[in-house]
Protein backbone atom coordinates (compact mmCIF):
# COMPACT_ATOMS: atom_id res chain seq x y z
CA MET A 1 33.62 -19.62 16.06
CA THR A 2 30.26 -18.90 15.32
CA GLN A 3 28.64 -20.77 12.67
CA PRO A 4 26.71 -18.34 9.69
CA GLN A 5 22.81 -18.11 10.28
CA TYR A 6 20.88 -17.93 6.99
CA ILE A 7 17.33 -17.54 6.36
CA PRO A 8 15.38 -18.12 2.90
CA CYS A 9 14.18 -15.38 1.30
CA MET A 10 13.39 -13.85 -2.20
CA LEU A 11 13.13 -10.29 -3.00
CA ILE A 12 10.25 -9.18 -5.46
CA ARG A 13 9.19 -6.03 -7.30
CA GLY A 14 5.64 -5.94 -6.53
CA GLY A 15 3.81 -2.92 -8.59
CA THR A 16 5.93 0.34 -8.11
CA SER A 17 7.55 -1.32 -4.62
CA LYS A 18 10.14 -3.82 -3.72
CA GLY A 19 10.46 -6.21 -1.14
CA ALA A 20 11.90 -9.16 0.95
CA TYR A 21 9.62 -12.12 1.09
CA PHE A 22 9.65 -14.87 3.92
CA LEU A 23 7.56 -17.56 4.99
CA ALA A 24 6.22 -17.00 8.78
CA SER A 25 7.89 -20.69 9.68
CA ASP A 26 11.46 -19.35 8.82
CA LEU A 27 11.09 -16.42 11.27
CA PRO A 28 10.81 -16.02 15.08
CA GLN A 29 7.49 -16.12 16.08
CA SER A 30 7.65 -13.78 18.65
CA PRO A 31 7.12 -10.60 17.20
CA GLU A 32 9.20 -8.56 19.31
CA ALA A 33 12.40 -10.94 18.04
CA ARG A 34 11.32 -11.53 14.50
CA ASP A 35 11.01 -7.08 14.07
CA GLN A 36 14.61 -7.02 15.08
CA LEU A 37 15.47 -9.66 13.04
CA LEU A 38 14.09 -7.82 9.91
CA ILE A 39 15.56 -4.59 10.81
CA LYS A 40 19.15 -6.60 10.59
CA ILE A 41 18.29 -7.94 7.29
CA MET A 42 17.17 -4.50 6.06
CA GLY A 43 20.04 -2.59 7.56
CA SER A 44 17.92 -0.01 9.02
CA GLY A 45 19.04 2.35 11.06
CA ASP A 46 21.23 4.00 8.16
CA VAL A 47 20.09 6.16 5.20
CA GLN A 48 21.37 4.08 2.78
CA GLN A 49 20.46 0.53 4.31
CA ILE A 50 24.23 -0.49 3.18
CA ASN A 51 24.29 -3.23 5.68
CA GLY A 52 21.48 -5.00 4.85
CA ILE A 53 19.15 -5.45 1.86
CA GLY A 54 16.82 -2.43 2.00
CA GLY A 55 16.81 -0.09 -1.05
CA GLY A 56 17.28 3.48 0.73
CA THR A 57 14.31 4.46 0.43
CA THR A 58 10.46 3.55 2.05
CA LEU A 59 9.06 2.26 -1.65
CA THR A 60 12.31 -0.54 -1.23
CA SER A 61 12.30 -1.15 2.44
CA LYS A 62 9.44 -3.72 2.75
CA VAL A 63 8.43 -7.03 4.01
CA ALA A 64 5.92 -9.71 3.03
CA ILE A 65 5.25 -12.55 5.54
CA ILE A 66 3.74 -15.57 3.95
CA SER A 67 1.87 -18.76 5.26
CA PRO A 68 -1.17 -20.77 4.57
CA SER A 69 -3.85 -19.42 5.63
CA GLN A 70 -5.71 -20.08 9.17
CA SER A 71 -9.38 -18.83 7.86
CA SER A 72 -11.11 -21.14 5.60
CA ASP A 73 -12.03 -18.12 3.56
CA ALA A 74 -8.55 -17.93 2.52
CA GLU A 75 -5.48 -19.64 0.98
CA ILE A 76 -2.91 -17.80 1.88
CA ASP A 77 -2.08 -15.20 5.01
CA TYR A 78 -0.15 -12.11 4.14
CA LEU A 79 1.30 -9.75 6.93
CA PHE A 80 3.16 -6.87 5.54
CA ALA A 81 5.74 -4.73 7.55
CA GLN A 82 7.23 -1.43 6.35
CA VAL A 83 10.58 -1.43 8.01
CA GLY A 84 12.02 1.89 8.60
CA VAL A 85 15.13 3.33 6.39
CA GLU A 86 16.54 5.64 9.04
CA ASN A 87 15.07 4.47 12.08
CA LYS A 88 14.96 0.74 13.49
CA THR A 89 11.25 0.67 13.29
CA VAL A 90 8.70 -2.23 12.19
CA ASP A 91 5.52 -1.09 11.50
CA THR A 92 2.72 -3.60 10.63
CA LYS A 93 -0.49 -1.63 11.04
CA PRO A 94 -0.39 -0.49 7.41
CA SER A 95 -0.86 -3.12 4.41
CA CYS A 96 0.65 -2.49 0.74
CA GLY A 97 -1.08 -3.52 -2.22
CA ASN A 98 2.01 -3.22 -4.37
CA ILE A 99 4.13 -6.00 -2.69
CA LEU A 100 0.43 -8.06 -2.32
CA SER A 101 1.29 -8.42 -6.13
CA GLY A 102 4.38 -10.23 -5.72
CA VAL A 103 2.32 -13.39 -3.38
CA VAL A 104 1.59 -15.44 -6.12
CA ALA A 105 4.89 -15.78 -7.32
CA PHE A 106 6.23 -16.23 -3.81
CA ALA A 107 3.49 -18.51 -2.75
CA SER A 108 4.24 -20.76 -5.94
CA GLU A 109 7.90 -20.81 -5.44
CA LYS A 110 7.54 -22.02 -1.91
CA GLY A 111 4.73 -24.91 -2.83
CA LEU A 112 1.81 -23.51 -1.05
CA VAL A 113 -0.36 -23.14 -4.37
CA GLU A 114 -0.77 -25.26 -7.13
CA LEU A 115 -1.24 -23.06 -10.26
CA GLY A 116 -3.87 -23.67 -12.81
CA ASP A 117 -3.35 -23.76 -16.63
CA GLY A 118 -4.26 -20.50 -18.01
CA SER A 119 -4.64 -18.41 -14.89
CA THR A 120 -4.41 -18.85 -11.38
CA THR A 121 -6.40 -17.31 -8.65
CA ILE A 122 -5.41 -17.17 -5.18
CA ARG A 123 -7.62 -15.83 -2.10
CA VAL A 124 -5.35 -14.25 0.19
CA LYS A 125 -6.32 -12.74 3.85
CA ASN A 126 -4.50 -9.59 4.60
CA ILE A 127 -3.43 -10.19 8.54
CA ASN A 128 -3.24 -5.86 8.54
CA THR A 129 -6.51 -5.26 7.98
CA ASN A 130 -8.37 -8.48 8.22
CA THR A 131 -9.79 -8.27 4.61
CA ILE A 132 -9.91 -10.60 1.76
CA ILE A 133 -7.83 -9.88 -1.87
CA GLU A 134 -8.29 -11.98 -4.50
CA VAL A 135 -5.11 -11.98 -6.79
CA THR A 136 -4.61 -13.69 -10.25
CA ALA A 137 -1.97 -14.12 -11.91
CA GLU A 138 -1.14 -15.81 -16.12
CA THR A 139 -0.01 -18.90 -15.37
CA PRO A 140 0.07 -20.65 -19.07
CA ASN A 141 0.90 -24.67 -18.97
CA LYS A 142 1.17 -24.13 -14.72
CA LYS A 143 3.79 -21.68 -15.04
CA LEU A 144 3.48 -18.42 -13.48
CA LYS A 145 4.18 -15.82 -16.63
CA ILE A 146 6.34 -13.07 -15.77
CA ASP A 147 7.00 -10.95 -18.89
CA GLY A 148 4.14 -9.49 -20.69
CA THR A 149 2.80 -6.56 -22.23
CA THR A 150 1.54 -4.72 -19.13
CA SER A 151 2.69 -1.32 -18.21
CA ILE A 152 2.27 0.16 -15.31
CA ASP A 153 3.33 4.16 -14.58
CA GLY A 154 6.22 4.03 -12.33
CA VAL A 155 7.86 0.92 -13.43
CA PRO A 156 9.92 0.93 -16.44
CA GLY A 157 9.35 -1.53 -18.79
CA THR A 158 6.12 -4.07 -19.09
CA GLY A 159 5.04 -7.32 -17.44
CA SER A 160 2.58 -9.92 -17.36
CA PRO A 161 -0.51 -8.71 -15.68
CA VAL A 162 -1.39 -9.41 -11.99
CA LEU A 163 -5.04 -8.32 -10.85
CA LEU A 164 -6.16 -7.18 -7.41
CA ASN A 165 -9.48 -7.27 -6.58
CA PHE A 166 -10.11 -6.16 -3.01
CA LEU A 167 -13.19 -7.33 -1.50
CA ASP A 168 -15.19 -4.90 1.16
CA VAL A 169 -12.27 -2.97 2.23
CA GLY A 170 -14.51 0.07 4.35
CA GLY A 171 -13.15 0.70 7.86
CA SER A 172 -10.18 -1.96 7.19
CA LYS A 173 -8.52 -0.45 10.28
CA THR A 174 -10.62 1.26 12.13
CA GLY A 175 -14.02 -0.63 11.86
CA LYS A 176 -15.69 2.19 9.87
CA LEU A 177 -15.61 3.99 6.64
CA PHE A 178 -15.86 7.11 8.20
CA PRO A 179 -14.05 6.96 11.31
CA THR A 180 -14.88 10.43 12.69
CA GLY A 181 -18.53 10.31 11.42
CA LEU A 182 -18.17 12.94 9.55
CA LEU A 183 -17.48 13.41 5.22
CA LYS A 184 -15.00 16.29 6.25
CA GLU A 185 -14.19 18.14 9.21
CA ASP A 186 -11.99 21.39 10.21
CA ILE A 187 -8.68 20.32 11.07
CA ASN A 188 -6.33 23.52 11.96
CA GLY A 189 -8.53 25.64 9.69
CA ILE A 190 -8.38 23.37 7.04
CA GLU A 191 -11.69 21.39 5.77
CA VAL A 192 -10.06 17.57 5.10
CA THR A 193 -11.77 14.14 4.85
CA CYS A 194 -10.64 11.49 7.13
CA ILE A 195 -11.45 7.63 5.47
CA ASP A 196 -10.65 4.86 6.07
CA ALA A 197 -10.94 2.60 2.63
CA ALA A 198 -8.17 -0.16 2.57
CA VAL A 199 -6.12 2.16 4.36
CA PRO A 200 -7.07 5.24 7.06
CA MET A 201 -6.16 8.67 5.28
CA VAL A 202 -6.09 12.29 5.46
CA HIS A 203 -7.19 13.78 2.39
CA ILE A 204 -6.35 17.32 1.96
CA PRO A 205 -7.25 19.89 -0.92
CA ALA A 206 -3.89 21.24 -2.37
CA ARG A 207 -5.32 24.63 -2.43
CA ALA A 208 -5.72 24.83 0.96
CA LEU A 209 -2.15 24.46 1.33
CA GLY A 210 -1.29 26.72 -1.08
CA LEU A 211 -0.48 24.43 -3.99
CA VAL A 212 -1.36 23.54 -7.42
CA GLY A 213 -1.66 19.89 -6.62
CA ASN A 214 0.79 18.88 -9.94
CA GLU A 215 3.80 19.93 -7.96
CA THR A 216 6.88 17.19 -8.16
CA LYS A 217 7.80 14.55 -5.65
CA LEU A 218 11.20 16.60 -5.26
CA GLU A 219 9.28 20.16 -4.82
CA ILE A 220 7.00 18.66 -1.76
CA ASP A 221 9.88 16.55 -0.09
CA SER A 222 11.92 20.07 0.07
CA ASN A 223 8.99 22.39 1.28
CA ALA A 224 9.96 21.67 5.24
CA GLU A 225 7.39 24.04 6.21
CA LEU A 226 4.65 22.29 3.92
CA LEU A 227 5.12 18.90 5.54
CA LYS A 228 5.47 20.26 8.86
CA LYS A 229 2.05 21.67 8.68
CA ILE A 230 0.78 18.22 7.05
CA GLU A 231 2.36 16.53 9.81
CA SER A 232 0.30 18.49 12.53
CA ILE A 233 -3.07 17.43 10.40
CA ARG A 234 -2.20 14.22 10.35
CA ILE A 235 -1.35 13.59 13.91
CA ILE A 236 -4.87 15.23 15.06
CA ALA A 237 -6.48 13.24 12.21
CA GLY A 238 -4.96 10.27 13.76
CA GLU A 239 -6.89 10.90 17.17
CA LYS A 240 -9.86 11.59 15.81
CA MET A 241 -9.80 8.38 14.05
CA GLY A 242 -9.35 6.33 16.99
CA LEU A 243 -5.92 5.47 16.07
CA GLY A 244 -4.08 7.07 19.17
CA ASP A 245 -1.07 8.79 19.30
CA VAL A 246 0.37 8.57 15.43
CA SER A 247 3.42 10.24 15.83
CA GLY A 248 5.29 7.18 15.19
CA SER A 249 3.25 5.38 12.70
CA VAL A 250 2.60 5.52 9.20
CA ILE A 251 -0.98 5.60 9.38
CA PRO A 252 -2.97 7.13 8.95
CA LYS A 253 -1.47 8.01 5.29
CA VAL A 254 -2.21 11.79 3.45
CA SER A 255 -3.22 12.59 0.04
CA ILE A 256 -3.34 15.97 -1.36
CA VAL A 257 -5.86 15.80 -3.63
CA SER A 258 -6.82 18.40 -6.52
CA PRO A 259 -8.79 18.38 -10.08
CA PRO A 260 -7.00 16.54 -12.69
CA HIS A 261 -4.20 18.44 -14.55
CA GLY A 262 -4.39 15.76 -17.70
CA VAL A 263 -7.45 13.03 -18.66
CA GLY A 264 -7.86 11.74 -15.29
CA SER A 265 -10.81 11.87 -12.66
CA ILE A 266 -8.65 13.57 -10.09
CA THR A 267 -4.92 14.43 -8.93
CA SER A 268 -3.22 12.98 -5.81
CA ARG A 269 0.02 13.49 -4.15
CA TYR A 270 0.39 10.36 -1.59
CA LEU A 271 2.35 11.11 1.40
CA VAL A 272 3.98 7.59 3.27
CA PRO A 273 3.73 10.02 4.89
CA HIS A 274 6.67 12.09 6.11
CA ASN A 275 7.88 12.23 2.12
CA CYS A 276 5.83 12.22 -1.06
CA HIS A 277 5.65 8.69 -2.82
CA ALA A 278 6.93 8.37 -6.30
CA SER A 279 3.90 7.20 -7.98
CA HIS A 280 1.29 6.05 -5.87
CA ALA A 281 0.47 2.83 -3.33
CA VAL A 282 -2.34 0.51 -4.34
CA THR A 283 -4.49 0.86 -1.06
CA GLY A 284 -3.94 4.43 -1.65
CA ALA A 285 -5.42 4.31 -4.41
CA ILE A 286 -8.45 2.57 -3.66
CA CYS A 287 -9.04 4.71 -0.65
CA VAL A 288 -8.68 8.02 -3.26
CA GLY A 289 -10.80 6.18 -5.58
CA ALA A 290 -13.58 5.60 -3.23
CA ALA A 291 -13.97 8.86 -1.62
CA SER A 292 -13.95 10.73 -4.70
CA LEU A 293 -17.32 8.84 -5.21
CA ILE A 294 -18.55 9.64 -2.17
CA GLU A 295 -20.58 13.16 -2.64
CA GLY A 296 -19.60 15.33 0.51
CA THR A 297 -16.08 14.45 0.85
CA VAL A 298 -13.51 17.03 -0.22
CA THR A 299 -11.91 14.26 -2.44
CA HIS A 300 -14.81 14.36 -4.22
CA GLN A 301 -15.25 18.16 -4.77
CA GLN A 302 -11.76 18.07 -6.62
CA ALA A 303 -12.95 15.10 -8.62
CA LYS A 304 -13.76 15.78 -12.54
CA ASP A 305 -16.83 13.26 -13.95
CA PRO A 306 -16.12 10.77 -11.05
CA SER A 307 -17.42 7.30 -12.00
CA SER A 308 -16.70 3.76 -11.32
CA LEU A 309 -13.16 3.49 -13.00
CA VAL A 310 -11.47 6.25 -11.26
CA VAL A 311 -8.39 7.18 -13.12
CA ILE A 312 -5.86 9.00 -10.40
CA GLU A 313 -2.84 11.22 -11.57
CA HIS A 314 0.27 10.82 -9.79
CA PRO A 315 4.10 12.18 -10.40
CA SER A 316 5.04 9.23 -12.73
CA GLY A 317 1.60 8.89 -14.33
CA LYS A 318 -1.81 7.52 -13.73
CA ILE A 319 -3.27 4.63 -11.61
CA ASP A 320 -6.54 3.35 -12.46
CA VAL A 321 -9.02 1.70 -9.74
CA LYS A 322 -12.28 0.01 -10.32
CA ILE A 323 -14.41 0.59 -7.44
CA THR A 324 -18.14 -0.96 -6.52
CA LEU A 325 -19.76 1.26 -4.26
CA LEU A 326 -23.09 0.32 -2.97
CA GLU A 327 -25.42 2.09 -0.63
CA GLY A 328 -25.53 0.59 3.24
CA GLU A 329 -27.27 1.12 6.01
CA PHE A 330 -25.41 3.54 7.28
CA GLU A 331 -22.41 4.41 5.31
CA PRO A 332 -21.35 3.51 2.17
CA VAL A 333 -20.20 0.27 1.15
CA ILE A 334 -17.15 -0.51 -0.59
CA ALA A 335 -17.98 -4.26 -2.26
CA GLN A 336 -14.97 -4.20 -4.90
CA ALA A 337 -12.11 -2.34 -5.62
CA ALA A 338 -10.19 -3.70 -8.56
CA LEU A 339 -6.48 -2.95 -9.96
CA VAL A 340 -3.98 -4.16 -12.40
CA ARG A 341 -0.27 -4.48 -11.33
CA THR A 342 2.65 -6.51 -12.48
CA ALA A 343 5.16 -8.32 -10.20
CA ARG A 344 8.75 -9.35 -10.98
CA PRO A 345 10.82 -12.04 -9.13
CA LEU A 346 14.40 -10.46 -8.43
CA PHE A 347 16.21 -13.38 -6.38
CA LYS A 348 15.78 -16.42 -4.44
CA GLY A 349 18.23 -17.51 -1.97
CA ASP A 350 19.18 -17.10 1.38
CA VAL A 351 19.82 -13.98 3.70
CA TYR A 352 22.66 -13.97 5.84
CA VAL A 353 21.41 -13.08 9.75
CA ALA A 354 24.30 -13.59 12.08
């Protein structure tokens, strides 16, 4: 009789996402074997993921793989995996800033870092993008604080703040902030901006798609003709950005941008990429925020009085990102991008794998 097999796991709500966190040493070293195991653990291939621990949405079918850093510039290595829901796929091309906000909770629980008295900052190397992020959490008396008064739109209640400070995120995947060499260009008769800041993205003005820009997630997700039009633009943009055939990949992501409808700087509907995010991704917020500050982009044309603190309106409220933009020799340099999230550990234990 086969003996049950288990792997240690934590489930953590990070920002507006939720994911399973693993030590890299507890997973197979082969990427192919690892991915097949993650598909089984999350229950992918079924819209409900009923046979796994995934939550049945792209925002809750995420994985963080953590290990001591191999780089002298960081303490922790972080590999993000987007695990398919209906499809049995694992994509490590993108990253996720929301899931990143749970790294301190996981790393401290596993003894990978020592918590300071008052607050703790961990330098994390994002393996997906080869960038460094400083993650700071409140740790009074050298204990991680979970409860607090910080709220983020898209998450009920409040929690202790987690500061994410992204360093030099321009060209995170393609090597260039504007991988096509243009600030804006025509794809299928629509002016768009292709930009790679924390995540490769295509920014499309809402009006060019026949939208106002403040449509709900349901309105966007139920508009099959709209999604088909956006996907055709995304696939062409992926080729132009040097990403190859992106029909089976979640990058580049897409943002439908429009002027603010409230008190923000700009409105964004972030697609992930085949349905609308219920709120907004962290990396996507950095990309939209940076583009809104750069004259000549379609994003800047939609923004109202953009400043270093960009307030992005999304379906669940807003997300604030502080951008430090410097003049570079060939293109602007995003020296820093800072956001505040919260994180909450939900369980720790073993997940059954066989």
